[in-house]
Amino acid sequence: MVRTYAPCGVTPVLRPHLTRAHLSVMSGVTPRGQLYTLTRRRPLRSAECIAFLGHVRRMVGGRLLAAWDGSPIHRSKQIKAFLAKGGAQFVHLERLPAYAPELNPDEGVWQHLKHVELRNLCCRDLDHLSAELSLAVKRLREKPSVIQSFFAGAGLGI
C-alpha cells in the first residue's frame, strides 16, 4: 500500500524543478545473488562499459556471460575493438531480443529498486537522489535471495 500526505480524495500534485541533470546507472547481477553497479552524473559511454566488465570480472574471478540489451553503447566500435583485442577471452556478450525485458534478470533489480526500495521517494536534488539510490542498492545487496529470484522470474535456471 502506498501512502500520501494529501487529504483524502485530493490527488497530490508535485511541481518538480526540471533540469537536464540526471544519473546514469549500469548494473549487473550474478546467479549467486551479487549486484554490481556503476553510477555517473552524465551519460555512460562504451569505455565505461568496458571498464565495468573488467571490474565485474575481477570481482567474480572468472569468465563472464553478459546479456545486454540493444543500447548503442553496447554495439559500438569500441566494444567490438575490445572483444577483438582479447576481451572475448574472458567475456561473452549475448544480445537480448528487442522488446523482451522479461528475459533480463537485471530488469528485476530496477523494478525492485523503483517500486520497493525507493517507492514514495521525492528527492530535493540530484545529490539527494544519488545518496538514496546508493542506500537502496546497499539494502538490496544484503538480500542475495531476492536478487536470485530475478533469475527465476526471467525463467533462467541458476
N, C-alpha and C. Protein backbone atom coordinates (compact mmCIF):
# COMPACT_ATOMS: atom_id res chain seq x y z
N MET A 1 0.84 -1.17 0.00
CA MET A 1 0.00 0.00 0.00
C MET A 1 0.90 1.24 0.00
N VAL A 2 0.54 2.20 -0.79
CA VAL A 2 1.30 3.43 -0.89
C VAL A 2 0.52 4.54 -0.20
N ARG A 3 1.20 5.34 0.58
CA ARG A 3 0.55 6.42 1.33
C ARG A 3 0.97 7.78 0.81
N THR A 4 0.10 8.76 1.05
CA THR A 4 0.39 10.13 0.68
C THR A 4 -0.05 11.05 1.81
N TYR A 5 0.48 12.26 1.81
CA TYR A 5 0.10 13.21 2.84
C TYR A 5 -1.03 14.13 2.39
N ALA A 6 -1.54 13.90 1.19
CA ALA A 6 -2.65 14.72 0.71
C ALA A 6 -3.92 14.35 1.46
N PRO A 7 -4.85 15.29 1.61
CA PRO A 7 -6.13 14.96 2.25
C PRO A 7 -6.86 13.89 1.44
N CYS A 8 -7.71 13.13 2.07
CA CYS A 8 -8.49 12.07 1.44
C CYS A 8 -9.28 12.63 0.26
N GLY A 9 -9.18 11.97 -0.87
CA GLY A 9 -9.92 12.38 -2.05
C GLY A 9 -9.26 13.47 -2.87
N VAL A 10 -8.10 13.96 -2.43
CA VAL A 10 -7.40 15.01 -3.17
C VAL A 10 -6.09 14.44 -3.71
N THR A 11 -5.93 14.49 -5.02
CA THR A 11 -4.72 13.97 -5.64
C THR A 11 -3.56 14.93 -5.38
N PRO A 12 -2.44 14.42 -4.82
CA PRO A 12 -1.31 15.30 -4.59
C PRO A 12 -0.65 15.69 -5.92
N VAL A 13 -0.21 16.91 -6.03
CA VAL A 13 0.45 17.39 -7.23
C VAL A 13 1.84 17.87 -6.85
N LEU A 14 2.83 17.26 -7.47
CA LEU A 14 4.21 17.67 -7.25
C LEU A 14 4.66 18.51 -8.43
N ARG A 15 5.23 19.63 -8.17
CA ARG A 15 5.74 20.50 -9.24
C ARG A 15 7.27 20.50 -9.18
N PRO A 16 7.88 19.58 -9.92
CA PRO A 16 9.34 19.48 -9.86
C PRO A 16 10.02 20.60 -10.63
N HIS A 17 11.22 20.91 -10.19
CA HIS A 17 12.08 21.85 -10.91
C HIS A 17 12.79 21.02 -11.97
N LEU A 18 12.47 21.24 -13.25
CA LEU A 18 13.00 20.40 -14.32
C LEU A 18 14.38 20.88 -14.76
N THR A 19 15.31 19.95 -14.86
CA THR A 19 16.65 20.22 -15.37
C THR A 19 17.07 19.05 -16.25
N ARG A 20 18.18 19.18 -16.89
CA ARG A 20 18.72 18.08 -17.68
C ARG A 20 19.66 17.20 -16.85
N ALA A 21 19.84 17.55 -15.61
CA ALA A 21 20.72 16.76 -14.73
C ALA A 21 20.09 15.39 -14.50
N HIS A 22 20.92 14.35 -14.53
CA HIS A 22 20.41 13.00 -14.31
C HIS A 22 21.54 12.08 -13.85
N LEU A 23 21.14 10.93 -13.40
CA LEU A 23 22.09 9.88 -13.06
C LEU A 23 22.00 8.80 -14.13
N SER A 24 23.13 8.30 -14.56
CA SER A 24 23.20 7.14 -15.44
C SER A 24 23.74 6.00 -14.61
N VAL A 25 23.06 4.88 -14.65
CA VAL A 25 23.46 3.74 -13.82
C VAL A 25 23.52 2.48 -14.69
N MET A 26 24.62 1.76 -14.54
CA MET A 26 24.78 0.46 -15.18
C MET A 26 24.83 -0.57 -14.07
N SER A 27 24.20 -1.71 -14.30
CA SER A 27 24.21 -2.73 -13.25
C SER A 27 24.37 -4.11 -13.85
N GLY A 28 24.79 -5.02 -13.00
CA GLY A 28 24.93 -6.42 -13.38
C GLY A 28 24.65 -7.28 -12.17
N VAL A 29 24.07 -8.45 -12.42
CA VAL A 29 23.76 -9.39 -11.35
C VAL A 29 24.36 -10.76 -11.68
N THR A 30 24.61 -11.53 -10.64
CA THR A 30 25.11 -12.88 -10.82
C THR A 30 24.10 -13.87 -10.24
N PRO A 31 24.12 -15.11 -10.70
CA PRO A 31 23.21 -16.11 -10.15
C PRO A 31 23.43 -16.37 -8.65
N ARG A 32 24.60 -15.99 -8.13
CA ARG A 32 24.86 -16.16 -6.69
C ARG A 32 24.22 -15.04 -5.86
N GLY A 33 23.60 -14.08 -6.53
CA GLY A 33 22.93 -13.00 -5.82
C GLY A 33 23.78 -11.78 -5.57
N GLN A 34 24.82 -11.60 -6.37
CA GLN A 34 25.67 -10.41 -6.24
C GLN A 34 25.14 -9.33 -7.18
N LEU A 35 25.29 -8.08 -6.76
CA LEU A 35 24.85 -6.93 -7.55
C LEU A 35 26.01 -5.96 -7.69
N TYR A 36 26.31 -5.57 -8.92
CA TYR A 36 27.36 -4.61 -9.20
C TYR A 36 26.74 -3.41 -9.91
N THR A 37 27.18 -2.21 -9.56
CA THR A 37 26.63 -1.01 -10.18
C THR A 37 27.74 -0.02 -10.51
N LEU A 38 27.45 0.81 -11.49
CA LEU A 38 28.31 1.93 -11.86
C LEU A 38 27.39 3.12 -12.06
N THR A 39 27.64 4.21 -11.34
CA THR A 39 26.78 5.39 -11.41
C THR A 39 27.61 6.59 -11.82
N ARG A 40 27.07 7.35 -12.75
CA ARG A 40 27.70 8.58 -13.22
C ARG A 40 26.64 9.67 -13.34
N ARG A 41 27.08 10.93 -13.30
CA ARG A 41 26.16 12.06 -13.44
C ARG A 41 26.12 12.57 -14.88
N ARG A 42 26.53 11.75 -15.78
CA ARG A 42 26.49 12.08 -17.21
C ARG A 42 26.19 10.78 -17.97
N PRO A 43 25.90 10.89 -19.24
CA PRO A 43 25.62 9.65 -20.00
C PRO A 43 26.81 8.70 -19.98
N LEU A 44 26.54 7.42 -19.85
CA LEU A 44 27.60 6.41 -19.87
C LEU A 44 28.07 6.20 -21.30
N ARG A 45 29.34 5.87 -21.42
CA ARG A 45 29.94 5.64 -22.73
C ARG A 45 30.48 4.21 -22.80
N SER A 46 30.85 3.80 -24.00
CA SER A 46 31.35 2.45 -24.22
C SER A 46 32.60 2.16 -23.39
N ALA A 47 33.47 3.14 -23.23
CA ALA A 47 34.70 2.93 -22.45
C ALA A 47 34.35 2.56 -21.00
N GLU A 48 33.29 3.16 -20.47
CA GLU A 48 32.88 2.83 -19.11
C GLU A 48 32.25 1.43 -19.05
N CYS A 49 31.59 1.02 -20.12
CA CYS A 49 31.07 -0.35 -20.19
C CYS A 49 32.22 -1.35 -20.12
N ILE A 50 33.27 -1.06 -20.86
CA ILE A 50 34.43 -1.95 -20.88
C ILE A 50 35.08 -1.99 -19.50
N ALA A 51 35.23 -0.84 -18.86
CA ALA A 51 35.81 -0.80 -17.51
C ALA A 51 34.92 -1.55 -16.52
N PHE A 52 33.61 -1.42 -16.66
CA PHE A 52 32.67 -2.11 -15.79
C PHE A 52 32.80 -3.62 -15.94
N LEU A 53 32.90 -4.09 -17.18
CA LEU A 53 33.09 -5.53 -17.42
C LEU A 53 34.38 -6.03 -16.77
N GLY A 54 35.44 -5.25 -16.90
CA GLY A 54 36.71 -5.63 -16.27
C GLY A 54 36.60 -5.69 -14.76
N HIS A 55 35.91 -4.73 -14.18
CA HIS A 55 35.72 -4.71 -12.72
C HIS A 55 34.91 -5.93 -12.27
N VAL A 56 33.82 -6.21 -12.96
CA VAL A 56 32.99 -7.35 -12.58
C VAL A 56 33.77 -8.64 -12.74
N ARG A 57 34.55 -8.74 -13.79
CA ARG A 57 35.37 -9.94 -13.99
C ARG A 57 36.34 -10.16 -12.84
N ARG A 58 37.01 -9.07 -12.40
CA ARG A 58 37.94 -9.20 -11.27
C ARG A 58 37.20 -9.60 -10.00
N MET A 59 36.01 -9.07 -9.79
CA MET A 59 35.26 -9.38 -8.58
C MET A 59 34.73 -10.81 -8.60
N VAL A 60 34.27 -11.27 -9.76
CA VAL A 60 33.70 -12.61 -9.89
C VAL A 60 34.82 -13.64 -9.97
N GLY A 61 35.90 -13.27 -10.64
CA GLY A 61 37.05 -14.18 -10.72
C GLY A 61 36.89 -15.27 -11.76
N GLY A 62 36.45 -14.94 -12.92
CA GLY A 62 36.31 -15.94 -13.96
C GLY A 62 35.73 -15.33 -15.22
N ARG A 63 35.35 -16.20 -16.14
CA ARG A 63 34.75 -15.74 -17.39
C ARG A 63 33.35 -15.22 -17.13
N LEU A 64 32.92 -14.30 -17.98
CA LEU A 64 31.61 -13.69 -17.84
C LEU A 64 30.74 -13.98 -19.04
N LEU A 65 29.47 -14.17 -18.78
CA LEU A 65 28.45 -14.17 -19.83
C LEU A 65 27.61 -12.93 -19.56
N ALA A 66 27.70 -11.96 -20.45
CA ALA A 66 26.96 -10.72 -20.28
C ALA A 66 25.81 -10.69 -21.27
N ALA A 67 24.59 -10.62 -20.76
CA ALA A 67 23.40 -10.50 -21.59
C ALA A 67 23.03 -9.02 -21.62
N TRP A 68 23.16 -8.40 -22.77
CA TRP A 68 22.95 -6.96 -22.91
C TRP A 68 21.76 -6.67 -23.80
N ASP A 69 21.17 -5.51 -23.57
CA ASP A 69 20.11 -5.07 -24.45
C ASP A 69 20.75 -4.42 -25.69
N GLY A 70 19.95 -3.85 -26.54
CA GLY A 70 20.46 -3.30 -27.80
C GLY A 70 20.90 -1.86 -27.73
N SER A 71 21.29 -1.38 -26.57
CA SER A 71 21.73 0.01 -26.42
C SER A 71 22.90 0.31 -27.37
N PRO A 72 22.92 1.51 -27.94
CA PRO A 72 24.03 1.85 -28.85
C PRO A 72 25.41 1.74 -28.20
N ILE A 73 25.53 2.02 -26.90
CA ILE A 73 26.86 1.91 -26.28
C ILE A 73 27.31 0.46 -26.18
N HIS A 74 26.39 -0.48 -26.28
CA HIS A 74 26.74 -1.90 -26.24
C HIS A 74 27.14 -2.43 -27.62
N ARG A 75 26.85 -1.67 -28.66
CA ARG A 75 27.12 -2.11 -30.03
C ARG A 75 28.20 -1.27 -30.71
N SER A 76 28.92 -0.48 -29.95
CA SER A 76 29.85 0.49 -30.53
C SER A 76 31.11 -0.15 -31.11
N LYS A 77 31.85 0.65 -31.85
CA LYS A 77 33.14 0.22 -32.39
C LYS A 77 34.12 -0.09 -31.27
N GLN A 78 34.03 0.67 -30.16
CA GLN A 78 34.94 0.45 -29.03
C GLN A 78 34.71 -0.94 -28.42
N ILE A 79 33.46 -1.35 -28.29
CA ILE A 79 33.15 -2.67 -27.74
C ILE A 79 33.67 -3.75 -28.68
N LYS A 80 33.45 -3.58 -29.98
CA LYS A 80 33.94 -4.56 -30.97
C LYS A 80 35.46 -4.65 -30.94
N ALA A 81 36.13 -3.50 -30.82
CA ALA A 81 37.59 -3.49 -30.75
C ALA A 81 38.08 -4.16 -29.48
N PHE A 82 37.39 -3.91 -28.36
CA PHE A 82 37.73 -4.54 -27.09
C PHE A 82 37.66 -6.07 -27.20
N LEU A 83 36.61 -6.57 -27.81
CA LEU A 83 36.46 -8.02 -27.97
C LEU A 83 37.53 -8.58 -28.91
N ALA A 84 37.84 -7.86 -29.99
CA ALA A 84 38.85 -8.31 -30.95
C ALA A 84 40.25 -8.33 -30.36
N LYS A 85 40.51 -7.41 -29.41
CA LYS A 85 41.86 -7.32 -28.82
C LYS A 85 42.04 -8.24 -27.61
N GLY A 86 41.17 -9.20 -27.41
CA GLY A 86 41.36 -10.16 -26.33
C GLY A 86 40.28 -10.16 -25.28
N GLY A 87 39.39 -9.22 -25.32
CA GLY A 87 38.31 -9.19 -24.33
C GLY A 87 37.40 -10.40 -24.43
N ALA A 88 37.31 -10.97 -25.63
CA ALA A 88 36.45 -12.14 -25.84
C ALA A 88 36.97 -13.37 -25.09
N GLN A 89 38.21 -13.32 -24.61
CA GLN A 89 38.75 -14.44 -23.84
C GLN A 89 38.10 -14.56 -22.47
N PHE A 90 37.64 -13.44 -21.92
CA PHE A 90 37.05 -13.50 -20.59
C PHE A 90 35.60 -13.06 -20.52
N VAL A 91 35.06 -12.55 -21.63
CA VAL A 91 33.65 -12.15 -21.60
C VAL A 91 32.98 -12.57 -22.91
N HIS A 92 31.82 -13.15 -22.77
CA HIS A 92 30.99 -13.50 -23.92
C HIS A 92 29.74 -12.64 -23.86
N LEU A 93 29.51 -11.86 -24.90
CA LEU A 93 28.35 -10.97 -24.93
C LEU A 93 27.21 -11.63 -25.70
N GLU A 94 26.06 -11.66 -25.10
CA GLU A 94 24.84 -12.16 -25.73
C GLU A 94 23.86 -11.01 -25.77
N ARG A 95 23.30 -10.77 -26.92
CA ARG A 95 22.32 -9.69 -27.04
C ARG A 95 20.93 -10.25 -26.76
N LEU A 96 20.21 -9.56 -25.90
CA LEU A 96 18.83 -9.93 -25.61
C LEU A 96 17.95 -9.55 -26.80
N PRO A 97 16.87 -10.29 -27.01
CA PRO A 97 15.95 -9.89 -28.08
C PRO A 97 15.35 -8.51 -27.79
N ALA A 98 15.02 -7.81 -28.86
CA ALA A 98 14.39 -6.50 -28.70
C ALA A 98 13.04 -6.64 -28.02
N TYR A 99 12.72 -5.68 -27.19
CA TYR A 99 11.42 -5.62 -26.51
C TYR A 99 11.12 -6.87 -25.69
N ALA A 100 12.14 -7.40 -25.01
CA ALA A 100 11.94 -8.57 -24.16
C ALA A 100 12.57 -8.36 -22.79
N PRO A 101 12.15 -7.32 -22.06
CA PRO A 101 12.75 -7.08 -20.74
C PRO A 101 12.46 -8.20 -19.75
N GLU A 102 11.42 -8.99 -20.01
CA GLU A 102 11.09 -10.07 -19.09
C GLU A 102 12.14 -11.18 -19.10
N LEU A 103 13.04 -11.19 -20.09
CA LEU A 103 14.12 -12.18 -20.15
C LEU A 103 15.38 -11.71 -19.45
N ASN A 104 15.39 -10.48 -18.97
CA ASN A 104 16.58 -9.89 -18.37
C ASN A 104 16.44 -9.84 -16.85
N PRO A 105 17.22 -10.64 -16.11
CA PRO A 105 17.11 -10.59 -14.64
C PRO A 105 17.46 -9.23 -14.06
N ASP A 106 18.26 -8.46 -14.77
CA ASP A 106 18.63 -7.13 -14.28
C ASP A 106 17.42 -6.19 -14.25
N GLU A 107 16.43 -6.44 -15.09
CA GLU A 107 15.21 -5.64 -15.04
C GLU A 107 14.50 -5.82 -13.70
N GLY A 108 14.61 -7.01 -13.13
CA GLY A 108 14.04 -7.26 -11.80
C GLY A 108 14.69 -6.38 -10.75
N VAL A 109 15.98 -6.15 -10.90
CA VAL A 109 16.69 -5.27 -9.97
C VAL A 109 16.06 -3.88 -10.00
N TRP A 110 15.86 -3.36 -11.21
CA TRP A 110 15.34 -1.99 -11.33
C TRP A 110 13.89 -1.89 -10.90
N GLN A 111 13.11 -2.91 -11.18
CA GLN A 111 11.73 -2.92 -10.70
C GLN A 111 11.71 -2.91 -9.18
N HIS A 112 12.58 -3.72 -8.57
CA HIS A 112 12.63 -3.78 -7.10
C HIS A 112 13.09 -2.45 -6.52
N LEU A 113 14.14 -1.88 -7.10
CA LEU A 113 14.64 -0.61 -6.58
C LEU A 113 13.58 0.49 -6.70
N LYS A 114 12.94 0.57 -7.85
CA LYS A 114 11.96 1.64 -8.07
C LYS A 114 10.69 1.47 -7.25
N HIS A 115 10.19 0.23 -7.17
CA HIS A 115 8.86 0.02 -6.59
C HIS A 115 8.88 -0.49 -5.15
N VAL A 116 10.05 -0.85 -4.65
CA VAL A 116 10.14 -1.32 -3.26
C VAL A 116 11.07 -0.41 -2.46
N GLU A 117 12.33 -0.39 -2.84
CA GLU A 117 13.32 0.35 -2.06
C GLU A 117 13.15 1.87 -2.14
N LEU A 118 12.74 2.37 -3.30
CA LEU A 118 12.66 3.83 -3.49
C LEU A 118 11.22 4.32 -3.68
N ARG A 119 10.23 3.50 -3.34
CA ARG A 119 8.84 3.92 -3.54
C ARG A 119 8.54 5.15 -2.68
N ASN A 120 7.70 5.99 -3.19
CA ASN A 120 7.26 7.21 -2.50
C ASN A 120 8.40 8.19 -2.22
N LEU A 121 9.49 8.06 -2.95
CA LEU A 121 10.63 8.96 -2.72
C LEU A 121 10.52 10.19 -3.61
N CYS A 122 10.66 11.33 -3.02
CA CYS A 122 10.68 12.59 -3.75
C CYS A 122 11.96 13.32 -3.33
N CYS A 123 12.92 13.38 -4.24
CA CYS A 123 14.23 13.93 -3.90
C CYS A 123 14.29 15.44 -4.11
N ARG A 124 15.06 16.09 -3.28
CA ARG A 124 15.25 17.54 -3.36
C ARG A 124 16.11 17.92 -4.56
N ASP A 125 17.14 17.10 -4.81
CA ASP A 125 18.08 17.41 -5.88
C ASP A 125 18.82 16.13 -6.28
N LEU A 126 19.75 16.27 -7.20
CA LEU A 126 20.49 15.11 -7.70
C LEU A 126 21.36 14.47 -6.63
N ASP A 127 21.92 15.28 -5.74
CA ASP A 127 22.73 14.72 -4.64
C ASP A 127 21.88 13.84 -3.74
N HIS A 128 20.68 14.29 -3.45
CA HIS A 128 19.77 13.50 -2.61
C HIS A 128 19.40 12.20 -3.30
N LEU A 129 19.09 12.26 -4.60
CA LEU A 129 18.76 11.05 -5.37
C LEU A 129 19.93 10.08 -5.37
N SER A 130 21.13 10.59 -5.58
CA SER A 130 22.32 9.75 -5.61
C SER A 130 22.53 9.04 -4.27
N ALA A 131 22.36 9.77 -3.19
CA ALA A 131 22.52 9.18 -1.85
C ALA A 131 21.45 8.13 -1.59
N GLU A 132 20.21 8.42 -1.95
CA GLU A 132 19.12 7.46 -1.72
C GLU A 132 19.30 6.22 -2.58
N LEU A 133 19.75 6.40 -3.81
CA LEU A 133 19.99 5.25 -4.68
C LEU A 133 21.10 4.37 -4.11
N SER A 134 22.16 4.98 -3.62
CA SER A 134 23.26 4.21 -3.01
C SER A 134 22.78 3.40 -1.82
N LEU A 135 21.95 4.01 -0.99
CA LEU A 135 21.40 3.28 0.17
C LEU A 135 20.49 2.14 -0.28
N ALA A 136 19.68 2.38 -1.30
CA ALA A 136 18.78 1.34 -1.80
C ALA A 136 19.56 0.17 -2.38
N VAL A 137 20.61 0.47 -3.13
CA VAL A 137 21.45 -0.60 -3.70
C VAL A 137 22.12 -1.38 -2.58
N LYS A 138 22.59 -0.68 -1.56
CA LYS A 138 23.21 -1.36 -0.42
C LYS A 138 22.22 -2.30 0.26
N ARG A 139 20.98 -1.85 0.45
CA ARG A 139 19.96 -2.71 1.07
C ARG A 139 19.69 -3.94 0.21
N LEU A 140 19.62 -3.74 -1.11
CA LEU A 140 19.36 -4.88 -1.99
C LEU A 140 20.53 -5.86 -2.01
N ARG A 141 21.75 -5.35 -1.94
CA ARG A 141 22.92 -6.25 -1.90
C ARG A 141 22.90 -7.17 -0.68
N GLU A 142 22.25 -6.73 0.37
CA GLU A 142 22.16 -7.55 1.58
C GLU A 142 21.08 -8.62 1.47
N LYS A 143 20.42 -8.71 0.32
CA LYS A 143 19.35 -9.68 0.11
C LYS A 143 19.65 -10.52 -1.14
N PRO A 144 20.67 -11.38 -1.09
CA PRO A 144 21.01 -12.14 -2.29
C PRO A 144 19.89 -13.06 -2.78
N SER A 145 19.05 -13.53 -1.87
CA SER A 145 17.95 -14.40 -2.31
C SER A 145 16.96 -13.63 -3.17
N VAL A 146 16.78 -12.35 -2.91
CA VAL A 146 15.89 -11.52 -3.75
C VAL A 146 16.51 -11.37 -5.13
N ILE A 147 17.81 -11.13 -5.19
CA ILE A 147 18.48 -10.99 -6.48
C ILE A 147 18.40 -12.31 -7.26
N GLN A 148 18.58 -13.43 -6.57
CA GLN A 148 18.47 -14.73 -7.23
C GLN A 148 17.06 -14.96 -7.78
N SER A 149 16.07 -14.42 -7.10
CA SER A 149 14.69 -14.61 -7.57
C SER A 149 14.46 -13.92 -8.92
N PHE A 150 15.25 -12.92 -9.26
CA PHE A 150 15.10 -12.25 -10.55
C PHE A 150 15.49 -13.19 -11.69
N PHE A 151 16.42 -14.10 -11.44
CA PHE A 151 16.78 -15.10 -12.45
C PHE A 151 15.62 -16.07 -12.66
N ALA A 152 15.00 -16.49 -11.56
CA ALA A 152 13.85 -17.38 -11.66
C ALA A 152 12.70 -16.67 -12.38
N GLY A 153 12.50 -15.39 -12.09
CA GLY A 153 11.44 -14.63 -12.73
C GLY A 153 11.65 -14.48 -14.22
N ALA A 154 12.90 -14.50 -14.65
CA ALA A 154 13.23 -14.40 -16.07
C ALA A 154 13.24 -15.77 -16.75
N GLY A 155 12.97 -16.81 -15.95
CA GLY A 155 12.95 -18.16 -16.50
C GLY A 155 14.33 -18.74 -16.71
N LEU A 156 15.32 -18.22 -16.01
CA LEU A 156 16.70 -18.71 -16.13
C LEU A 156 17.03 -19.56 -14.92
N GLY A 157 17.41 -20.79 -15.14
CA GLY A 157 17.82 -21.66 -14.04
C GLY A 157 19.15 -21.23 -13.48
N ILE A 158 19.30 -21.37 -12.18
CA ILE A 158 20.55 -20.98 -11.54
C ILE A 158 21.48 -22.16 -11.44
